Structures are given as C-alpha cells and as structure tokens.
Protein backbone atom coordinates (compact mmCIF):
# COMPACT_ATOMS: atom_id res chain seq x y z
CA MET A 1 -45.44 36.12 -34.50
CA LEU A 2 -42.02 34.91 -33.40
CA SER A 3 -41.77 32.19 -30.83
CA ALA A 4 -40.94 33.40 -27.36
CA LEU A 5 -38.20 30.78 -27.37
CA SER A 6 -36.38 32.97 -29.90
CA HIS A 7 -35.89 35.54 -27.10
CA PRO A 8 -32.13 35.41 -26.34
CA SER A 9 -32.54 34.78 -22.62
CA LEU A 10 -34.75 31.74 -23.30
CA ALA A 11 -32.48 29.81 -25.65
CA ASP A 12 -31.63 27.34 -22.88
CA CYS A 13 -35.25 26.84 -21.76
CA ARG A 14 -37.94 24.23 -21.97
CA ARG A 15 -41.52 25.42 -22.56
CA LEU A 16 -44.32 23.98 -20.45
CA PHE A 17 -47.82 24.88 -21.51
CA LEU A 18 -51.44 24.77 -20.47
CA ARG A 19 -53.90 25.21 -23.35
CA ASN A 20 -57.46 26.47 -23.24
CA TYR A 21 -58.02 25.90 -19.54
CA GLU A 22 -61.72 26.75 -19.28
CA VAL A 23 -62.87 28.59 -16.19
CA MET A 24 -66.09 30.31 -15.25
CA ILE A 25 -65.41 33.67 -13.65
CA ASN A 26 -67.10 36.91 -12.80
CA ILE A 27 -65.25 39.31 -15.09
CA GLY A 28 -66.09 42.54 -16.81
CA VAL A 29 -66.75 46.25 -16.37
CA HIS A 30 -70.34 46.38 -17.59
CA GLU A 31 -73.20 45.95 -15.12
CA PHE A 32 -74.58 42.91 -16.95
CA GLU A 33 -71.14 41.26 -16.68
CA LYS A 34 -71.06 41.78 -12.92
CA LYS A 35 -74.24 39.75 -12.42
CA GLY A 36 -72.91 36.39 -13.50
CA GLU A 37 -69.97 34.35 -14.60
CA GLN A 38 -68.48 34.22 -18.07
CA ARG A 39 -66.50 31.51 -19.75
CA VAL A 40 -62.82 32.40 -20.03
CA LEU A 41 -60.05 30.37 -21.66
CA VAL A 42 -56.64 30.70 -20.07
CA ASN A 43 -53.39 29.75 -21.79
CA VAL A 44 -50.01 29.67 -20.08
CA ASP A 45 -46.50 29.08 -21.36
CA LEU A 46 -43.76 28.70 -18.76
CA PHE A 47 -40.13 28.94 -19.77
CA ILE A 48 -37.85 26.99 -17.48
CA PRO A 49 -34.08 26.64 -17.84
CA LEU A 50 -33.13 23.14 -18.92
CA ALA A 51 -30.74 22.99 -15.97
CA ASP A 52 -33.78 23.29 -13.68
CA SER A 53 -36.16 21.08 -15.66
CA THR A 54 -34.20 18.12 -16.94
CA PRO A 55 -34.99 15.18 -14.70
CA GLN A 56 -32.10 12.98 -13.67
CA HIS A 57 -34.23 10.27 -12.04
CA ASP A 58 -37.57 10.59 -13.86
CA HIS A 59 -39.28 11.99 -10.75
CA LEU A 60 -41.99 14.63 -10.68
CA ASN A 61 -40.25 16.68 -7.99
CA GLU A 62 -37.41 17.39 -10.43
CA VAL A 63 -39.61 19.49 -12.72
CA VAL A 64 -42.35 22.10 -12.52
CA ASP A 65 -45.63 20.23 -12.16
CA TYR A 66 -48.54 21.13 -14.46
CA ASP A 67 -50.71 21.31 -11.33
CA PHE A 68 -48.78 24.46 -10.40
CA MET A 69 -50.26 26.27 -13.41
CA ARG A 70 -53.83 25.12 -12.77
CA ASP A 71 -53.65 25.72 -9.01
CA THR A 72 -52.21 29.22 -9.51
CA ILE A 73 -55.03 30.14 -11.88
CA ALA A 74 -57.66 28.64 -9.57
CA ARG A 75 -56.35 30.66 -6.62
CA ARG A 76 -56.66 33.87 -8.64
CA MET A 77 -60.18 32.98 -9.74
CA ALA A 78 -61.18 32.42 -6.12
CA GLU A 79 -60.25 36.01 -5.22
CA GLY A 80 -63.47 37.32 -6.77
CA HIS A 81 -64.60 39.75 -9.46
CA ILE A 82 -62.08 41.05 -11.96
CA HIS A 83 -62.87 44.04 -14.14
CA LEU A 84 -60.28 43.56 -16.90
CA GLN A 85 -58.64 40.68 -18.71
CA GLU A 86 -55.43 42.71 -18.54
CA THR A 87 -55.58 42.55 -14.74
CA LEU A 88 -56.21 38.81 -14.83
CA CYS A 89 -53.27 38.20 -17.19
CA ASP A 90 -50.94 40.38 -15.14
CA ASP A 91 -51.94 38.71 -11.87
CA VAL A 92 -51.48 35.19 -13.25
CA ALA A 93 -48.15 36.10 -14.89
CA ARG A 94 -46.83 37.62 -11.66
CA ALA A 95 -47.81 34.51 -9.67
CA MET A 96 -46.21 32.18 -12.23
CA LEU A 97 -42.97 34.18 -12.20
CA ALA A 98 -42.82 33.83 -8.42
CA HIS A 99 -41.93 30.15 -8.90
CA PRO A 100 -38.14 29.91 -8.44
CA LYS A 101 -37.62 27.73 -11.54
CA VAL A 102 -39.64 29.90 -13.96
CA ARG A 103 -37.60 32.37 -16.01
CA ALA A 104 -40.39 33.71 -18.23
CA VAL A 105 -44.11 33.39 -18.77
CA ARG A 106 -46.68 34.09 -21.42
CA VAL A 107 -50.31 34.26 -20.32
CA SER A 108 -53.35 34.85 -22.47
CA THR A 109 -57.03 34.99 -21.65
CA GLU A 110 -59.94 34.81 -24.06
CA LYS A 111 -63.63 35.47 -23.68
CA PRO A 112 -65.17 33.26 -26.39
CA ASP A 113 -68.79 34.27 -25.91
CA VAL A 114 -68.62 38.07 -26.26
CA TYR A 115 -69.36 38.52 -29.97
CA PRO A 116 -71.23 36.14 -32.27
CA ASP A 117 -69.08 37.02 -35.29
CA CYS A 118 -65.63 36.10 -33.91
CA ASP A 119 -64.06 33.23 -31.99
CA SER A 120 -63.00 35.30 -28.99
CA VAL A 121 -61.57 38.53 -27.62
CA GLY A 122 -58.56 38.48 -25.38
CA VAL A 123 -55.33 39.70 -23.96
CA GLU A 124 -51.80 38.32 -23.84
CA VAL A 125 -48.80 39.29 -21.76
CA PHE A 126 -45.19 38.07 -21.91
CA ARG A 127 -42.78 38.66 -19.03
CA VAL A 128 -39.17 37.68 -18.39
CA LYS A 129 -37.65 37.73 -14.90
CA SER A 130 -35.11 40.47 -14.49
C-alpha cells in the first residue's frame, strides 16, 4: 500500500499519528455485542501542512496537540452504542477534519477479539479536505 503522503495534495505535510489507542466500547450489530463492551484499537494519521505545523518558538500551541486526537476519540466513544466500525471511522475522521490545521486524515479501527484465528478485523478510511 502506498503511503498517504504520496498523495499530491499532501506533499507539503507532516504526519502526526496515534497508534493502537485501546478503548472499550459498546459496538456491534449482533445482540450479544449490544450487551457489553468490546476492545477496539483506534489508529489515526493526521496530515498537517508544514506551514501550519512547524514551530517557530518550540511551543505546543504552534502545532496540533496529540491530546486533540485522543480527546476527539473519547468524545465519540461517550456518545454511546455504535453498530458499525465504518460509522465509527467516519465519525472520527469527520471530527478530525474539522480542525482548521488538518488537511487530511486516515482512521482505522480494529476489533482484535472477534476471531481466534486472526489478529483482528477492521475498517480504514482516508479523507482529504476539499
């Protein structure tokens, strides 16, 4: 798979990432899934133009803070039951793109405990601001 940074509109971007953020969430369409929480791993890549993410004074307020990614995901988790990983990915991606400095986002979710014979099942979405 090609790197998202090879996308022409991202050539001047920095990539910030959050890897394997583990959350417990009520997710799924089956009745047994609606009765409890499941472990979900969330991964986020934010693509931010270097002009908006190159600190001049080495201060946190000059860049996008990692807390933004975690807090955005936590807010979505707090909204309650989600049927589909696709919905979760789309919701998180949309919220990340709302940040004025973010040009593009890649979000993936994985449910690592679904099948005993594979690491995980999941969904990924990539969006660029128009």
